[in-house]
Amino acid sequence: MGNGAARTRKGAQLPRQGSPQQELSNPSTQYSLAKILTIWIAVTLPMGLGYWVITPAVADGPYDTVVLATVVLTVGLVWQFVLAMLILRREEGSIGPSAMARRMWLQIPRDPVTGRPRKRLLWLLAPLGIAFVLNMLYLAPAIESIQQRLLPISPLPFHNAETLFSDDVAPRLEGAWWFFALFMMLSIFNVFLGEEFIFRGILLPRMRGVFGSYDWLFNGILFGLYHVHQPWTIGGIVLASGLIMSLPVRRYRSMWLAVIPHAIQTVIVFWMMLGLMRGTV
């Protein structure tokens, strides 16, 4: 008992279990570059093949393209969620809430020094949300325009809002609530259960071993390059993903700091699609 107590007192001088210093400096918890790239390929390939290969080969006309592209991209995003759960199960032995909070940082923001939860850090969501909207409305489109001039790539009609609301497509989607449900499912997996689970939940906490203190930057780059299904947006996404999403998540160990700003897209899409279903847009 005496020796055990002594060891406990001595061990108390070290960083406590779960502290930022201990968790992020433990080599056994970090991924190799090969493993990082393997996971990246596993989620990137289905999106690229679905959009650029399967959709054009099967679809006949703008309406078919819109519907099929929505289906194949939704399948790709659901696969990301499945893969994240398989990895979580293998590493933690569970896919429950406590395992998610511990492994994927799905938790209240932590103090970057002590590792203690600090609810007041949720106020960071306000400037992060504003930054995300400004990037989405102004900076990302400007970068996209530059990219299109340097590397012209013609998107399929799915990524052209004018096509979605055109006379050829919109009347056929009016009242098609099955499409509304499908599109909202795509949006939810896009901003939370799919992309965020993989990139900010699975990958980011395990990239420090390869990229050091720049893990957040390379996480943003990988997230941008993952968008091979819409390569004209990569530049703006790298900027938003790295600075606005990955860096705060990495510093405060909370995936919510990326999920909630990212979800602004879903709110916008919801109202657009609702208008389309009602024939008011």
Protein backbone atom coordinates (compact mmCIF):
# COMPACT_ATOMS: atom_id res chain seq x y z
CA MET A 1 0.00 0.00 0.00
CA GLY A 2 2.79 2.40 0.95
CA ASN A 3 4.77 1.74 -2.24
CA GLY A 4 1.64 2.00 -4.37
CA ALA A 5 0.70 5.31 -2.80
CA ALA A 6 4.21 6.57 -3.39
CA ARG A 7 4.01 5.60 -7.02
CA THR A 8 0.66 7.34 -7.28
CA ARG A 9 2.03 10.53 -5.74
CA LYS A 10 5.05 10.38 -8.02
CA GLY A 11 2.89 9.73 -11.08
CA ALA A 12 0.71 12.70 -10.17
CA GLN A 13 3.60 14.95 -11.20
CA LEU A 14 3.26 13.74 -14.79
CA PRO A 15 0.60 14.99 -17.26
CA ARG A 16 -2.66 13.34 -16.28
CA GLN A 17 -4.25 10.80 -18.58
CA GLY A 18 -6.13 12.45 -21.40
CA SER A 19 -4.27 15.77 -21.20
CA PRO A 20 -3.38 17.42 -24.51
CA GLN A 21 0.35 16.92 -23.95
CA GLN A 22 0.05 13.21 -23.23
CA GLU A 23 -2.62 12.34 -25.80
CA LEU A 24 -0.99 14.11 -28.74
CA SER A 25 2.62 13.14 -27.97
CA ASN A 26 2.02 9.40 -27.57
CA PRO A 27 3.43 7.76 -30.74
CA SER A 28 1.29 4.66 -30.24
CA THR A 29 -1.90 6.65 -30.85
CA GLN A 30 -0.70 8.31 -34.06
CA TYR A 31 -1.18 7.15 -37.65
CA SER A 32 1.56 6.57 -40.18
CA LEU A 33 1.53 8.51 -43.44
CA ALA A 34 0.53 5.33 -45.26
CA LYS A 35 -2.50 4.86 -43.00
CA ILE A 36 -3.56 8.50 -43.36
CA LEU A 37 -3.39 8.27 -47.15
CA THR A 38 -5.16 4.90 -47.19
CA ILE A 39 -8.15 6.36 -45.31
CA TRP A 40 -8.07 9.43 -47.57
CA ILE A 41 -8.14 7.28 -50.71
CA ALA A 42 -10.91 5.09 -49.26
CA VAL A 43 -13.23 8.10 -48.95
CA THR A 44 -12.07 10.08 -51.99
CA LEU A 45 -12.23 7.38 -54.65
CA PRO A 46 -15.98 6.58 -54.33
CA MET A 47 -16.89 10.27 -54.60
CA GLY A 48 -14.77 10.83 -57.70
CA LEU A 49 -15.90 7.65 -59.46
CA GLY A 50 -19.54 8.24 -58.58
CA TYR A 51 -19.59 11.78 -59.91
CA TRP A 52 -17.27 11.65 -62.93
CA VAL A 53 -17.70 8.04 -64.11
CA ILE A 54 -20.97 6.45 -62.96
CA THR A 55 -23.23 9.50 -63.28
CA PRO A 56 -22.29 10.49 -66.87
CA ALA A 57 -22.37 6.85 -67.98
CA VAL A 58 -25.91 6.23 -66.73
CA ALA A 59 -27.70 9.59 -66.66
CA ASP A 60 -29.66 10.81 -69.67
CA GLY A 61 -30.33 14.54 -69.51
CA PRO A 62 -30.15 17.20 -66.76
CA TYR A 63 -32.91 15.71 -64.61
CA ASP A 64 -31.34 12.25 -64.53
CA THR A 65 -27.94 13.78 -63.83
CA VAL A 66 -29.22 15.76 -60.86
CA VAL A 67 -30.98 12.73 -59.34
CA LEU A 68 -28.23 10.19 -59.99
CA ALA A 69 -25.43 12.48 -58.82
CA THR A 70 -27.36 13.08 -55.60
CA VAL A 71 -27.71 9.33 -55.09
CA VAL A 72 -24.06 8.40 -55.76
CA LEU A 73 -22.68 11.22 -53.63
CA THR A 74 -25.02 10.31 -50.78
CA VAL A 75 -23.83 6.71 -50.97
CA GLY A 76 -20.23 7.93 -50.84
CA LEU A 77 -20.93 10.05 -47.76
CA VAL A 78 -22.77 7.24 -45.97
CA TRP A 79 -19.74 5.02 -46.68
CA GLN A 80 -17.59 7.58 -44.86
CA PHE A 81 -19.78 7.26 -41.79
CA VAL A 82 -19.61 3.45 -41.96
CA LEU A 83 -15.82 3.58 -42.30
CA ALA A 84 -15.52 5.98 -39.36
CA MET A 85 -17.61 3.63 -37.20
CA LEU A 86 -15.53 0.61 -38.24
CA ILE A 87 -12.33 2.44 -37.31
CA LEU A 88 -13.82 3.65 -34.03
CA ARG A 89 -14.97 0.13 -33.17
CA ARG A 90 -11.55 -1.34 -33.94
CA GLU A 91 -9.61 1.27 -31.95
CA GLU A 92 -11.96 1.83 -29.00
CA GLY A 93 -13.93 -1.42 -28.88
CA SER A 94 -17.15 0.60 -28.94
CA ILE A 95 -19.11 3.05 -31.08
CA GLY A 96 -20.96 4.55 -28.13
CA PRO A 97 -21.12 8.24 -27.16
CA SER A 98 -18.23 8.01 -24.69
CA ALA A 99 -15.99 6.37 -27.28
CA MET A 100 -16.89 9.07 -29.82
CA ALA A 101 -16.21 11.84 -27.33
CA ARG A 102 -12.85 10.37 -26.37
CA ARG A 103 -11.55 9.31 -29.76
CA MET A 104 -13.24 11.78 -32.15
CA TRP A 105 -13.29 14.86 -29.90
CA LEU A 106 -17.09 15.01 -30.11
CA GLN A 107 -17.16 16.96 -26.85
CA ILE A 108 -17.24 20.38 -25.20
CA PRO A 109 -14.15 22.44 -26.18
CA ARG A 110 -11.14 21.77 -23.95
CA ASP A 111 -8.69 24.24 -22.48
CA PRO A 112 -5.56 23.84 -24.67
CA VAL A 113 -3.28 23.79 -21.58
CA THR A 114 -5.17 21.85 -18.92
CA GLY A 115 -7.46 19.75 -21.09
CA ARG A 116 -10.45 20.65 -18.92
CA PRO A 117 -13.83 21.28 -20.61
CA ARG A 118 -14.72 24.98 -20.89
CA LYS A 119 -18.27 25.76 -22.01
CA ARG A 120 -17.40 29.42 -22.45
CA LEU A 121 -15.21 28.41 -25.39
CA LEU A 122 -18.42 27.69 -27.30
CA TRP A 123 -18.56 31.44 -27.89
CA LEU A 124 -15.90 30.77 -30.52
CA LEU A 125 -18.73 29.47 -32.71
CA ALA A 126 -19.85 33.06 -33.41
CA PRO A 127 -16.66 34.30 -35.11
CA LEU A 128 -16.09 30.90 -36.73
CA GLY A 129 -19.61 30.95 -38.20
CA ILE A 130 -19.14 34.49 -39.51
CA ALA A 131 -15.77 33.55 -41.02
CA PHE A 132 -17.32 30.49 -42.66
CA VAL A 133 -20.13 32.54 -44.23
CA LEU A 134 -17.75 35.25 -45.47
CA ASN A 135 -15.51 32.63 -47.02
CA MET A 136 -18.51 30.90 -48.62
CA LEU A 137 -19.95 34.12 -50.06
CA TYR A 138 -16.84 36.04 -51.11
CA LEU A 139 -13.42 34.46 -50.76
CA ALA A 140 -14.17 30.91 -51.95
CA PRO A 141 -16.00 32.11 -55.13
CA ALA A 142 -13.07 34.41 -55.95
CA ILE A 143 -10.61 31.52 -55.56
CA GLU A 144 -12.91 29.27 -57.57
CA SER A 145 -12.98 31.82 -60.39
CA ILE A 146 -9.18 31.90 -60.48
CA GLN A 147 -9.03 28.11 -60.48
CA GLN A 148 -11.49 27.89 -63.36
CA ARG A 149 -9.36 30.23 -65.45
CA LEU A 150 -6.17 28.31 -64.70
CA LEU A 151 -7.72 24.85 -64.97
CA PRO A 152 -11.04 24.90 -66.86
CA ILE A 153 -13.27 22.03 -65.74
CA SER A 154 -16.90 21.78 -66.78
CA PRO A 155 -19.07 20.63 -63.87
CA LEU A 156 -22.00 18.31 -64.41
CA PRO A 157 -25.45 19.92 -64.11
CA PHE A 158 -25.68 18.71 -60.51
CA HIS A 159 -23.25 21.42 -59.47
CA ASN A 160 -25.01 24.15 -61.41
CA ALA A 161 -27.74 25.79 -59.35
CA GLU A 162 -29.26 27.24 -62.50
CA THR A 163 -29.82 23.71 -63.81
CA LEU A 164 -31.41 22.54 -60.56
CA PHE A 165 -33.92 25.40 -60.74
CA SER A 166 -34.24 25.41 -64.53
CA ASP A 167 -37.45 24.81 -66.52
CA ASP A 168 -36.18 21.33 -67.44
CA VAL A 169 -35.62 20.15 -63.87
CA ALA A 170 -37.52 22.24 -61.32
CA PRO A 171 -41.08 21.32 -62.46
CA ARG A 172 -40.24 17.62 -62.23
CA LEU A 173 -38.93 18.06 -58.69
CA GLU A 174 -41.83 20.15 -57.43
CA GLY A 175 -43.62 18.11 -54.78
CA ALA A 176 -40.99 15.33 -55.01
CA TRP A 177 -40.51 15.04 -51.26
CA TRP A 178 -38.50 11.86 -51.72
CA PHE A 179 -35.85 13.99 -53.42
CA PHE A 180 -36.05 16.53 -50.61
CA ALA A 181 -35.41 13.74 -48.08
CA LEU A 182 -32.55 12.38 -50.19
CA PHE A 183 -30.94 15.80 -50.57
CA MET A 184 -31.22 16.52 -46.84
CA MET A 185 -29.70 13.13 -46.09
CA LEU A 186 -26.79 14.06 -48.36
CA SER A 187 -26.44 17.39 -46.54
CA ILE A 188 -26.44 15.84 -43.06
CA PHE A 189 -23.78 13.28 -43.95
CA ASN A 190 -21.87 16.00 -45.80
CA VAL A 191 -21.51 18.34 -42.84
CA PHE A 192 -21.51 15.91 -39.93
CA LEU A 193 -21.80 12.14 -40.03
CA GLY A 194 -19.64 11.62 -43.11
CA GLU A 195 -17.00 14.24 -43.85
CA GLU A 196 -16.57 15.63 -40.33
CA PHE A 197 -16.48 12.19 -38.72
CA ILE A 198 -13.68 11.10 -41.04
CA PHE A 199 -11.57 14.23 -41.40
CA ARG A 200 -11.96 16.03 -38.07
CA GLY A 201 -12.96 13.01 -35.98
CA ILE A 202 -10.85 10.08 -37.21
CA LEU A 203 -7.91 11.66 -39.03
CA LEU A 204 -7.10 14.95 -37.30
CA PRO A 205 -6.43 13.54 -33.80
CA ARG A 206 -4.00 11.02 -35.32
CA MET A 207 -2.01 13.20 -37.76
CA ARG A 208 0.42 14.88 -35.35
CA GLY A 209 2.83 11.97 -35.46
CA VAL A 210 3.50 12.66 -39.16
CA PHE A 211 2.86 16.39 -39.54
CA GLY A 212 3.69 17.72 -36.07
CA SER A 213 2.17 21.08 -35.14
CA TYR A 214 1.06 21.56 -38.75
CA ASP A 215 -1.35 18.62 -38.59
CA TRP A 216 -4.32 21.02 -38.84
CA LEU A 217 -2.92 22.52 -42.04
CA PHE A 218 -2.40 19.18 -43.74
CA ASN A 219 -5.81 18.04 -42.55
CA GLY A 220 -7.27 21.03 -44.39
CA ILE A 221 -5.24 20.23 -47.49
CA LEU A 222 -6.37 16.62 -47.50
CA PHE A 223 -9.96 17.71 -47.04
CA GLY A 224 -9.67 20.09 -49.97
CA LEU A 225 -8.03 17.52 -52.24
CA TYR A 226 -10.69 15.01 -51.28
CA HIS A 227 -13.15 17.12 -53.29
CA VAL A 228 -12.19 15.56 -56.62
CA HIS A 229 -15.91 15.45 -57.35
CA GLN A 230 -15.86 19.27 -57.42
CA PRO A 231 -12.21 20.22 -58.03
CA TRP A 232 -13.04 23.84 -58.87
CA THR A 233 -13.78 24.39 -55.17
CA ILE A 234 -10.59 22.90 -53.73
CA GLY A 235 -8.77 26.20 -53.08
CA GLY A 236 -11.58 27.78 -51.10
CA ILE A 237 -12.24 24.56 -49.21
CA VAL A 238 -8.58 24.21 -48.20
CA LEU A 239 -8.67 27.71 -46.73
CA ALA A 240 -11.97 27.23 -44.90
CA SER A 241 -11.15 23.71 -43.75
CA GLY A 242 -7.69 24.54 -42.47
CA LEU A 243 -8.08 27.90 -40.75
CA ILE A 244 -11.78 27.99 -39.89
CA MET A 245 -12.36 24.32 -39.04
CA SER A 246 -9.29 22.12 -38.49
CA LEU A 247 -7.24 24.63 -36.49
CA PRO A 248 -9.92 25.38 -33.86
CA VAL A 249 -10.84 21.68 -33.60
CA ARG A 250 -7.18 20.76 -33.13
CA ARG A 251 -6.50 23.50 -30.56
CA TYR A 252 -9.61 22.98 -28.45
CA ARG A 253 -10.17 19.27 -29.18
CA SER A 254 -13.84 19.66 -30.07
CA MET A 255 -15.33 18.55 -33.37
CA TRP A 256 -18.33 20.80 -32.71
CA LEU A 257 -16.20 23.83 -33.63
CA ALA A 258 -16.18 22.50 -37.21
CA VAL A 259 -19.55 20.76 -37.38
CA ILE A 260 -21.67 23.75 -36.39
CA PRO A 261 -20.10 26.30 -38.79
CA HIS A 262 -20.15 23.64 -41.53
CA ALA A 263 -23.87 23.10 -40.84
CA ILE A 264 -24.64 26.61 -42.04
CA GLN A 265 -24.63 25.05 -45.52
CA THR A 266 -27.39 22.66 -44.49
CA VAL A 267 -29.60 25.50 -43.24
CA ILE A 268 -29.23 27.33 -46.57
CA VAL A 269 -29.84 24.15 -48.57
CA PHE A 270 -32.92 23.34 -46.49
CA TRP A 271 -34.69 26.59 -47.38
CA MET A 272 -33.65 26.39 -51.03
CA MET A 273 -34.94 22.84 -51.37
CA LEU A 274 -38.12 23.66 -49.46
CA GLY A 275 -38.83 26.42 -51.97
CA LEU A 276 -38.13 24.01 -54.82
CA MET A 277 -40.57 21.45 -53.42
CA ARG A 278 -43.28 24.11 -53.06
CA GLY A 279 -42.58 25.61 -56.48
CA THR A 280 -41.90 29.07 -55.00
CA VAL A 281 -38.37 29.51 -56.39
